[in-house]
Amino acid sequence: MRYFILFLFFISSNAFSDNLDTSLSLPCLGCHGKSTNLTIPSLYGLDEDYIYNSLMDYKLDNRKNYLMQLISKGYSEQQIRILSYYFSKGYNNNE
């Protein structure tokens, strides 16, 4: 629970950043950055609708993964749309 609270603080502290898409994407990169890890997919270049629908399914508990359910609840629907667009375009300014 302590990590979830820190995650929410990170999201809210970056809510008014000039680079909102980049700021919102930072927590995702620990697991979903460009890597060769086959068990956790990279989000870069995935279809925007696929990313959005997946995150919303986690947020609404329609898709099961405890950590992703917690994380997705920390984002608003608008933030999820921003993330979906950002990752679908293949941006990689955070590594």
PDB file of N, CA and C in Angstrom:
ATOM      1  N   MET A   1       0.827  -1.197   0.000  1.00  0.00           N
ATOM      2  CA  MET A   1       0.000   0.000   0.000  1.00  0.00           C
ATOM      3  C   MET A   1       0.870   1.259   0.000  1.00  0.00           C
ATOM      4  N   ARG A   2       1.982   1.180   0.682  1.00  0.00           N
ATOM      5  CA  ARG A   2       2.874   2.337   0.768  1.00  0.00           C
ATOM      6  C   ARG A   2       3.377   2.735  -0.619  1.00  0.00           C
ATOM      7  N   TYR A   3       3.679   1.737  -1.476  1.00  0.00           N
ATOM      8  CA  TYR A   3       4.161   2.039  -2.829  1.00  0.00           C
ATOM      9  C   TYR A   3       3.062   2.650  -3.684  1.00  0.00           C
ATOM     10  N   PHE A   4       1.835   2.195  -3.483  1.00  0.00           N
ATOM     11  CA  PHE A   4       0.714   2.757  -4.226  1.00  0.00           C
ATOM     12  C   PHE A   4       0.517   4.223  -3.871  1.00  0.00           C
ATOM     13  N   ILE A   5       0.644   4.560  -2.604  1.00  0.00           N
ATOM     14  CA  ILE A   5       0.509   5.952  -2.160  1.00  0.00           C
ATOM     15  C   ILE A   5       1.631   6.793  -2.772  1.00  0.00           C
ATOM     16  N   LEU A   6       2.851   6.265  -2.796  1.00  0.00           N
ATOM     17  CA  LEU A   6       3.956   6.983  -3.429  1.00  0.00           C
ATOM     18  C   LEU A   6       3.709   7.171  -4.916  1.00  0.00           C
ATOM     19  N   PHE A   7       3.149   6.151  -5.550  1.00  0.00           N
ATOM     20  CA  PHE A   7       2.818   6.237  -6.967  1.00  0.00           C
ATOM     21  C   PHE A   7       1.797   7.345  -7.204  1.00  0.00           C
ATOM     22  N   LEU A   8       0.742   7.391  -6.385  1.00  0.00           N
ATOM     23  CA  LEU A   8      -0.275   8.432  -6.531  1.00  0.00           C
ATOM     24  C   LEU A   8       0.323   9.816  -6.318  1.00  0.00           C
ATOM     25  N   PHE A   9       1.233   9.943  -5.358  1.00  0.00           N
ATOM     26  CA  PHE A   9       1.903  11.217  -5.130  1.00  0.00           C
ATOM     27  C   PHE A   9       2.706  11.626  -6.363  1.00  0.00           C
ATOM     28  N   PHE A  10       3.420  10.662  -6.956  1.00  0.00           N
ATOM     29  CA  PHE A  10       4.203  10.952  -8.152  1.00  0.00           C
ATOM     30  C   PHE A  10       3.311  11.460  -9.269  1.00  0.00           C
ATOM     31  N   ILE A  11       2.186  10.777  -9.484  1.00  0.00           N
ATOM     32  CA  ILE A  11       1.258  11.175 -10.547  1.00  0.00           C
ATOM     33  C   ILE A  11       0.737  12.581 -10.292  1.00  0.00           C
ATOM     34  N   SER A  12       0.293  12.857  -9.067  1.00  0.00           N
ATOM     35  CA  SER A  12      -0.283  14.173  -8.781  1.00  0.00           C
ATOM     36  C   SER A  12       0.776  15.264  -8.817  1.00  0.00           C
ATOM     37  N   SER A  13       1.998  14.966  -8.417  1.00  0.00           N
ATOM     38  CA  SER A  13       3.038  15.990  -8.422  1.00  0.00           C
ATOM     39  C   SER A  13       3.467  16.367  -9.834  1.00  0.00           C
ATOM     40  N   ASN A  14       3.205  15.499 -10.792  1.00  0.00           N
ATOM     41  CA  ASN A  14       3.561  15.768 -12.180  1.00  0.00           C
ATOM     42  C   ASN A  14       2.363  16.175 -13.023  1.00  0.00           C
ATOM     43  N   ALA A  15       1.238  16.387 -12.400  1.00  0.00           N
ATOM     44  CA  ALA A  15       0.005  16.643 -13.142  1.00  0.00           C
ATOM     45  C   ALA A  15       0.054  17.922 -13.960  1.00  0.00           C
ATOM     46  N   PHE A  16       0.887  18.879 -13.556  1.00  0.00           N
ATOM     47  CA  PHE A  16       0.928  20.147 -14.264  1.00  0.00           C
ATOM     48  C   PHE A  16       2.261  20.366 -14.969  1.00  0.00           C
ATOM     49  N   SER A  17       2.939  19.297 -15.255  1.00  0.00           N
ATOM     50  CA  SER A  17       4.219  19.357 -15.936  1.00  0.00           C
ATOM     51  C   SER A  17       4.044  19.856 -17.365  1.00  0.00           C
ATOM     52  N   ASP A  18       5.080  20.528 -17.884  1.00  0.00           N
ATOM     53  CA  ASP A  18       5.059  20.955 -19.282  1.00  0.00           C
ATOM     54  C   ASP A  18       5.017  19.750 -20.218  1.00  0.00           C
ATOM     55  N   ASN A  19       5.612  18.658 -19.809  1.00  0.00           N
ATOM     56  CA  ASN A  19       5.649  17.425 -20.600  1.00  0.00           C
ATOM     57  C   ASN A  19       4.802  16.373 -19.909  1.00  0.00           C
ATOM     58  N   LEU A  20       3.523  16.596 -19.881  1.00  0.00           N
ATOM     59  CA  LEU A  20       2.627  15.713 -19.137  1.00  0.00           C
ATOM     60  C   LEU A  20       2.726  14.279 -19.615  1.00  0.00           C
ATOM     61  N   ASP A  21       2.780  14.070 -20.919  1.00  0.00           N
ATOM     62  CA  ASP A  21       2.863  12.703 -21.430  1.00  0.00           C
ATOM     63  C   ASP A  21       4.130  12.012 -20.937  1.00  0.00           C
ATOM     64  N   THR A  22       5.241  12.709 -20.964  1.00  0.00           N
ATOM     65  CA  THR A  22       6.503  12.143 -20.494  1.00  0.00           C
ATOM     66  C   THR A  22       6.439  11.872 -18.994  1.00  0.00           C
ATOM     67  N   SER A  23       5.907  12.813 -18.235  1.00  0.00           N
ATOM     68  CA  SER A  23       5.806  12.636 -16.789  1.00  0.00           C
ATOM     69  C   SER A  23       4.906  11.457 -16.427  1.00  0.00           C
ATOM     70  N   LEU A  24       3.794  11.341 -17.109  1.00  0.00           N
ATOM     71  CA  LEU A  24       2.875  10.239 -16.827  1.00  0.00           C
ATOM     72  C   LEU A  24       3.483   8.888 -17.176  1.00  0.00           C
ATOM     73  N   SER A  25       4.347   8.864 -18.165  1.00  0.00           N
ATOM     74  CA  SER A  25       4.909   7.591 -18.631  1.00  0.00           C
ATOM     75  C   SER A  25       6.028   7.069 -17.740  1.00  0.00           C
ATOM     76  N   LEU A  26       6.632   7.905 -16.926  1.00  0.00           N
ATOM     77  CA  LEU A  26       7.787   7.487 -16.137  1.00  0.00           C
ATOM     78  C   LEU A  26       7.534   6.248 -15.268  1.00  0.00           C
ATOM     79  N   PRO A  27       6.427   6.168 -14.530  1.00  0.00           N
ATOM     80  CA  PRO A  27       6.215   4.973 -13.707  1.00  0.00           C
ATOM     81  C   PRO A  27       6.086   3.690 -14.531  1.00  0.00           C
ATOM     82  N   CYS A  28       5.657   3.791 -15.759  1.00  0.00           N
ATOM     83  CA  CYS A  28       5.468   2.621 -16.622  1.00  0.00           C
ATOM     84  C   CYS A  28       6.798   2.019 -17.057  1.00  0.00           C
ATOM     85  N   LEU A  29       7.812   2.862 -17.147  1.00  0.00           N
ATOM     86  CA  LEU A  29       9.065   2.450 -17.766  1.00  0.00           C
ATOM     87  C   LEU A  29       9.873   1.464 -16.946  1.00  0.00           C
ATOM     88  N   GLY A  30       9.642   1.420 -15.638  1.00  0.00           N
ATOM     89  CA  GLY A  30      10.358   0.462 -14.809  1.00  0.00           C
ATOM     90  C   GLY A  30      10.140  -0.964 -15.273  1.00  0.00           C
ATOM     91  N   CYS A  31       8.950  -1.245 -15.750  1.00  0.00           N
ATOM     92  CA  CYS A  31       8.619  -2.594 -16.218  1.00  0.00           C
ATOM     93  C   CYS A  31       8.393  -2.665 -17.724  1.00  0.00           C
ATOM     94  N   HIS A  32       7.891  -1.589 -18.330  1.00  0.00           N
ATOM     95  CA  HIS A  32       7.452  -1.633 -19.721  1.00  0.00           C
ATOM     96  C   HIS A  32       8.304  -0.814 -20.678  1.00  0.00           C
ATOM     97  N   GLY A  33       9.532  -0.509 -20.299  1.00  0.00           N
ATOM     98  CA  GLY A  33      10.416   0.231 -21.193  1.00  0.00           C
ATOM     99  C   GLY A  33      10.874  -0.646 -22.346  1.00  0.00           C
ATOM    100  N   LYS A  34      11.694  -0.088 -23.204  1.00  0.00           N
ATOM    101  CA  LYS A  34      12.236  -0.877 -24.325  1.00  0.00           C
ATOM    102  C   LYS A  34      13.293  -1.823 -23.773  1.00  0.00           C
ATOM    103  N   SER A  35      12.966  -3.091 -23.767  1.00  0.00           N
ATOM    104  CA  SER A  35      13.898  -4.089 -23.252  1.00  0.00           C
ATOM    105  C   SER A  35      13.677  -5.406 -23.973  1.00  0.00           C
ATOM    106  N   THR A  36      14.500  -6.362 -23.627  1.00  0.00           N
ATOM    107  CA  THR A  36      14.359  -7.683 -24.218  1.00  0.00           C
ATOM    108  C   THR A  36      13.600  -8.627 -23.302  1.00  0.00           C
ATOM    109  N   ASN A  37      13.018  -8.111 -22.213  1.00  0.00           N
ATOM    110  CA  ASN A  37      12.258  -8.929 -21.280  1.00  0.00           C
ATOM    111  C   ASN A  37      10.973  -9.387 -21.958  1.00  0.00           C
ATOM    112  N   LEU A  38      10.850 -10.669 -22.198  1.00  0.00           N
ATOM    113  CA  LEU A  38       9.686 -11.188 -22.919  1.00  0.00           C
ATOM    114  C   LEU A  38       8.479 -11.408 -22.024  1.00  0.00           C
ATOM    115  N   THR A  39       8.675 -11.414 -20.701  1.00  0.00           N
ATOM    116  CA  THR A  39       7.540 -11.653 -19.809  1.00  0.00           C
ATOM    117  C   THR A  39       6.721 -10.393 -19.569  1.00  0.00           C
ATOM    118  N   ILE A  40       7.340  -9.230 -19.683  1.00  0.00           N
ATOM    119  CA  ILE A  40       6.633  -7.956 -19.521  1.00  0.00           C
ATOM    120  C   ILE A  40       6.807  -7.182 -20.827  1.00  0.00           C
ATOM    121  N   PRO A  41       5.719  -6.943 -21.541  1.00  0.00           N
ATOM    122  CA  PRO A  41       5.846  -6.319 -22.870  1.00  0.00           C
ATOM    123  C   PRO A  41       6.215  -4.844 -22.800  1.00  0.00           C
ATOM    124  N   SER A  42       6.960  -4.412 -23.797  1.00  0.00           N
ATOM    125  CA  SER A  42       7.191  -2.989 -23.982  1.00  0.00           C
ATOM    126  C   SER A  42       5.903  -2.387 -24.529  1.00  0.00           C
ATOM    127  N   LEU A  43       5.607  -1.160 -24.143  1.00  0.00           N
ATOM    128  CA  LEU A  43       4.395  -0.491 -24.626  1.00  0.00           C
ATOM    129  C   LEU A  43       4.657   0.323 -25.892  1.00  0.00           C
ATOM    130  N   TYR A  44       5.922   0.572 -26.200  1.00  0.00           N
ATOM    131  CA  TYR A  44       6.260   1.421 -27.334  1.00  0.00           C
ATOM    132  C   TYR A  44       5.764   0.836 -28.651  1.00  0.00           C
ATOM    133  N   GLY A  45       5.001   1.632 -29.381  1.00  0.00           N
ATOM    134  CA  GLY A  45       4.545   1.245 -30.700  1.00  0.00           C
ATOM    135  C   GLY A  45       3.317   0.343 -30.727  1.00  0.00           C
ATOM    136  N   LEU A  46       2.768  -0.016 -29.569  1.00  0.00           N
ATOM    137  CA  LEU A  46       1.532  -0.799 -29.559  1.00  0.00           C
ATOM    138  C   LEU A  46       0.379   0.082 -30.031  1.00  0.00           C
ATOM    139  N   ASP A  47      -0.687  -0.540 -30.486  1.00  0.00           N
ATOM    140  CA  ASP A  47      -1.861   0.183 -30.954  1.00  0.00           C
ATOM    141  C   ASP A  47      -2.471   1.006 -29.814  1.00  0.00           C
ATOM    142  N   GLU A  48      -2.791   2.254 -30.112  1.00  0.00           N
ATOM    143  CA  GLU A  48      -3.338   3.169 -29.110  1.00  0.00           C
ATOM    144  C   GLU A  48      -4.600   2.608 -28.451  1.00  0.00           C
ATOM    145  N   ASP A  49      -5.517   2.090 -29.257  1.00  0.00           N
ATOM    146  CA  ASP A  49      -6.759   1.539 -28.700  1.00  0.00           C
ATOM    147  C   ASP A  49      -6.484   0.326 -27.819  1.00  0.00           C
ATOM    148  N   TYR A  50      -5.522  -0.480 -28.206  1.00  0.00           N
ATOM    149  CA  TYR A  50      -5.177  -1.654 -27.402  1.00  0.00           C
ATOM    150  C   TYR A  50      -4.658  -1.234 -26.027  1.00  0.00           C
ATOM    151  N   ILE A  51      -3.761  -0.256 -25.990  1.00  0.00           N
ATOM    152  CA  ILE A  51      -3.226   0.226 -24.717  1.00  0.00           C
ATOM    153  C   ILE A  51      -4.343   0.803 -23.870  1.00  0.00           C
ATOM    154  N   TYR A  52      -5.154   1.673 -24.472  1.00  0.00           N
ATOM    155  CA  TYR A  52      -6.254   2.312 -23.743  1.00  0.00           C
ATOM    156  C   TYR A  52      -7.214   1.260 -23.179  1.00  0.00           C
ATOM    157  N   ASN A  53      -7.675   0.359 -24.017  1.00  0.00           N
ATOM    158  CA  ASN A  53      -8.637  -0.654 -23.575  1.00  0.00           C
ATOM    159  C   ASN A  53      -8.052  -1.562 -22.501  1.00  0.00           C
ATOM    160  N   SER A  54      -6.788  -1.911 -22.637  1.00  0.00           N
ATOM    161  CA  SER A  54      -6.141  -2.757 -21.631  1.00  0.00           C
ATOM    162  C   SER A  54      -6.075  -2.048 -20.289  1.00  0.00           C
ATOM    163  N   LEU A  55      -5.630  -0.790 -20.296  1.00  0.00           N
ATOM    164  CA  LEU A  55      -5.541  -0.044 -19.040  1.00  0.00           C
ATOM    165  C   LEU A  55      -6.915   0.181 -18.409  1.00  0.00           C
ATOM    166  N   MET A  56      -7.908   0.462 -19.234  1.00  0.00           N
ATOM    167  CA  MET A  56      -9.254   0.643 -18.691  1.00  0.00           C
ATOM    168  C   MET A  56      -9.801  -0.673 -18.129  1.00  0.00           C
ATOM    169  N   ASP A  57      -9.496  -1.785 -18.790  1.00  0.00           N
ATOM    170  CA  ASP A  57      -9.916  -3.090 -18.263  1.00  0.00           C
ATOM    171  C   ASP A  57      -9.274  -3.361 -16.903  1.00  0.00           C
ATOM    172  N   TYR A  58      -7.999  -3.023 -16.753  1.00  0.00           N
ATOM    173  CA  TYR A  58      -7.354  -3.165 -15.436  1.00  0.00           C
ATOM    174  C   TYR A  58      -8.017  -2.244 -14.420  1.00  0.00           C
ATOM    175  N   LYS A  59      -8.254  -1.005 -14.818  1.00  0.00           N
ATOM    176  CA  LYS A  59      -8.854  -0.013 -13.916  1.00  0.00           C
ATOM    177  C   LYS A  59     -10.232  -0.465 -13.421  1.00  0.00           C
ATOM    178  N   LEU A  60     -10.997  -1.101 -14.299  1.00  0.00           N
ATOM    179  CA  LEU A  60     -12.355  -1.544 -13.960  1.00  0.00           C
ATOM    180  C   LEU A  60     -12.392  -2.990 -13.439  1.00  0.00           C
ATOM    181  N   ASP A  61     -11.216  -3.562 -13.207  1.00  0.00           N
ATOM    182  CA  ASP A  61     -11.078  -4.939 -12.715  1.00  0.00           C
ATOM    183  C   ASP A  61     -11.644  -5.981 -13.672  1.00  0.00           C
ATOM    184  N   ASN A  62     -11.699  -5.661 -14.954  1.00  0.00           N
ATOM    185  CA  ASN A  62     -12.136  -6.626 -15.963  1.00  0.00           C
ATOM    186  C   ASN A  62     -10.980  -7.463 -16.476  1.00  0.00           C
ATOM    187  N   ARG A  63      -9.771  -7.028 -16.191  1.00  0.00           N
ATOM    188  CA  ARG A  63      -8.571  -7.759 -16.588  1.00  0.00           C
ATOM    189  C   ARG A  63      -7.763  -7.971 -15.315  1.00  0.00           C
ATOM    190  N   LYS A  64      -7.270  -9.168 -15.114  1.00  0.00           N
ATOM    191  CA  LYS A  64      -6.655  -9.524 -13.837  1.00  0.00           C
ATOM    192  C   LYS A  64      -5.143  -9.400 -13.850  1.00  0.00           C
ATOM    193  N   ASN A  65      -4.645  -8.590 -12.982  1.00  0.00           N
ATOM    194  CA  ASN A  65      -3.242  -8.478 -12.610  1.00  0.00           C
ATOM    195  C   ASN A  65      -3.244  -7.491 -11.463  1.00  0.00           C
ATOM    196  N   TYR A  66      -2.976  -7.977 -10.273  1.00  0.00           N
ATOM    197  CA  TYR A  66      -3.132  -7.160  -9.073  1.00  0.00           C
ATOM    198  C   TYR A  66      -2.376  -5.833  -9.161  1.00  0.00           C
ATOM    199  N   LEU A  67      -1.123  -5.894  -9.561  1.00  0.00           N
ATOM    200  CA  LEU A  67      -0.324  -4.672  -9.624  1.00  0.00           C
ATOM    201  C   LEU A  67      -0.864  -3.704 -10.673  1.00  0.00           C
ATOM    202  N   MET A  68      -1.199  -4.209 -11.852  1.00  0.00           N
ATOM    203  CA  MET A  68      -1.731  -3.334 -12.895  1.00  0.00           C
ATOM    204  C   MET A  68      -3.102  -2.763 -12.511  1.00  0.00           C
ATOM    205  N   GLN A  69      -3.890  -3.526 -11.772  1.00  0.00           N
ATOM    206  CA  GLN A  69      -5.175  -3.000 -11.303  1.00  0.00           C
ATOM    207  C   GLN A  69      -4.936  -1.819 -10.361  1.00  0.00           C
ATOM    208  N   LEU A  70      -3.982  -1.954  -9.447  1.00  0.00           N
ATOM    209  CA  LEU A  70      -3.666  -0.851  -8.527  1.00  0.00           C
ATOM    210  C   LEU A  70      -3.126   0.361  -9.275  1.00  0.00           C
ATOM    211  N   ILE A  71      -2.194   0.126 -10.160  1.00  0.00           N
ATOM    212  CA  ILE A  71      -1.558   1.228 -10.885  1.00  0.00           C
ATOM    213  C   ILE A  71      -2.565   1.969 -11.759  1.00  0.00           C
ATOM    214  N   SER A  72      -3.380   1.239 -12.494  1.00  0.00           N
ATOM    215  CA  SER A  72      -4.326   1.880 -13.409  1.00  0.00           C
ATOM    216  C   SER A  72      -5.355   2.729 -12.673  1.00  0.00           C
ATOM    217  N   LYS A  73      -5.676   2.359 -11.450  1.00  0.00           N
ATOM    218  CA  LYS A  73      -6.621   3.153 -10.663  1.00  0.00           C
ATOM    219  C   LYS A  73      -6.048   4.520 -10.270  1.00  0.00           C
ATOM    220  N   GLY A  74      -4.722   4.660 -10.362  1.00  0.00           N
ATOM    221  CA  GLY A  74      -4.077   5.933 -10.056  1.00  0.00           C
ATOM    222  C   GLY A  74      -4.137   6.935 -11.199  1.00  0.00           C
ATOM    223  N   TYR A  75      -4.618   6.506 -12.349  1.00  0.00           N
ATOM    224  CA  TYR A  75      -4.727   7.379 -13.519  1.00  0.00           C
ATOM    225  C   TYR A  75      -6.192   7.688 -13.803  1.00  0.00           C
ATOM    226  N   SER A  76      -6.458   8.907 -14.229  1.00  0.00           N
ATOM    227  CA  SER A  76      -7.798   9.263 -14.705  1.00  0.00           C
ATOM    228  C   SER A  76      -7.957   8.711 -16.120  1.00  0.00           C
ATOM    229  N   GLU A  77      -9.174   8.711 -16.628  1.00  0.00           N
ATOM    230  CA  GLU A  77      -9.397   8.254 -17.996  1.00  0.00           C
ATOM    231  C   GLU A  77      -8.631   9.140 -18.986  1.00  0.00           C
ATOM    232  N   GLN A  78      -8.605  10.434 -18.727  1.00  0.00           N
ATOM    233  CA  GLN A  78      -7.868  11.348 -19.612  1.00  0.00           C
ATOM    234  C   GLN A  78      -6.372  11.036 -19.597  1.00  0.00           C
ATOM    235  N   GLN A  79      -5.819  10.739 -18.435  1.00  0.00           N
ATOM    236  CA  GLN A  79      -4.409  10.398 -18.352  1.00  0.00           C
ATOM    237  C   GLN A  79      -4.114   9.090 -19.091  1.00  0.00           C
ATOM    238  N   ILE A  80      -5.040   8.140 -19.010  1.00  0.00           N
ATOM    239  CA  ILE A  80      -4.881   6.875 -19.734  1.00  0.00           C
ATOM    240  C   ILE A  80      -4.899   7.129 -21.240  1.00  0.00           C
ATOM    241  N   ARG A  81      -5.740   8.051 -21.689  1.00  0.00           N
ATOM    242  CA  ARG A  81      -5.754   8.404 -23.119  1.00  0.00           C
ATOM    243  C   ARG A  81      -4.414   9.016 -23.542  1.00  0.00           C
ATOM    244  N   ILE A  82      -3.868   9.878 -22.695  1.00  0.00           N
ATOM    245  CA  ILE A  82      -2.576  10.511 -22.983  1.00  0.00           C
ATOM    246  C   ILE A  82      -1.480   9.449 -23.058  1.00  0.00           C
ATOM    247  N   LEU A  83      -1.454   8.542 -22.091  1.00  0.00           N
ATOM    248  CA  LEU A  83      -0.464   7.465 -22.096  1.00  0.00           C
ATOM    249  C   LEU A  83      -0.600   6.585 -23.331  1.00  0.00           C
ATOM    250  N   SER A  84      -1.820   6.250 -23.678  1.00  0.00           N
ATOM    251  CA  SER A  84      -2.067   5.384 -24.833  1.00  0.00           C
ATOM    252  C   SER A  84      -1.533   6.021 -26.106  1.00  0.00           C
ATOM    253  N   TYR A  85      -1.814   7.294 -26.280  1.00  0.00           N
ATOM    254  CA  TYR A  85      -1.327   8.018 -27.450  1.00  0.00           C
ATOM    255  C   TYR A  85       0.202   8.082 -27.441  1.00  0.00           C
ATOM    256  N   TYR A  86       0.757   8.456 -26.289  1.00  0.00           N
ATOM    257  CA  TYR A  86       2.206   8.618 -26.151  1.00  0.00           C
ATOM    258  C   TYR A  86       2.946   7.333 -26.526  1.00  0.00           C
ATOM    259  N   PHE A  87       2.557   6.216 -25.921  1.00  0.00           N
ATOM    260  CA  PHE A  87       3.257   4.961 -26.188  1.00  0.00           C
ATOM    261  C   PHE A  87       2.997   4.445 -27.597  1.00  0.00           C
ATOM    262  N   SER A  88       1.817   4.698 -28.126  1.00  0.00           N
ATOM    263  CA  SER A  88       1.523   4.208 -29.483  1.00  0.00           C
ATOM    264  C   SER A  88       2.398   4.899 -30.532  1.00  0.00           C
ATOM    265  N   LYS A  89       2.838   6.112 -30.249  1.00  0.00           N
ATOM    266  CA  LYS A  89       3.689   6.845 -31.188  1.00  0.00           C
ATOM    267  C   LYS A  89       5.147   6.437 -31.080  1.00  0.00           C
ATOM    268  N   GLY A  90       5.467   5.592 -30.095  1.00  0.00           N
ATOM    269  CA  GLY A  90       6.822   5.068 -29.978  1.00  0.00           C
ATOM    270  C   GLY A  90       7.828   6.021 -29.368  1.00  0.00           C
ATOM    271  N   TYR A  91       7.357   7.043 -28.646  1.00  0.00           N
ATOM    272  CA  TYR A  91       8.288   7.986 -28.010  1.00  0.00           C
ATOM    273  C   TYR A  91       9.129   7.258 -26.991  1.00  0.00           C
ATOM    274  N   ASN A  92      10.354   7.698 -26.857  1.00  0.00           N
ATOM    275  CA  ASN A  92      11.280   7.047 -25.951  1.00  0.00           C
ATOM    276  C   ASN A  92      12.256   8.066 -25.386  1.00  0.00           C
ATOM    277  N   ASN A  93      11.743   9.071 -24.724  1.00  0.00           N
ATOM    278  CA  ASN A  93      12.606  10.119 -24.165  1.00  0.00           C
ATOM    279  C   ASN A  93      12.995   9.842 -22.719  1.00  0.00           C
ATOM    280  N   ASN A  94      12.517   8.736 -22.161  1.00  0.00           N
ATOM    281  CA  ASN A  94      12.659   8.519 -20.728  1.00  0.00           C
ATOM    282  C   ASN A  94      13.741   7.527 -20.335  1.00  0.00           C
ATOM    283  N   GLU A  95      14.461   6.981 -21.256  1.00  0.00           N
ATOM    284  CA  GLU A  95      15.446   5.969 -20.871  1.00  0.00           C
ATOM    285  C   GLU A  95      16.809   6.594 -20.676  1.00  0.00           C
TER     286      GLU A  95
END
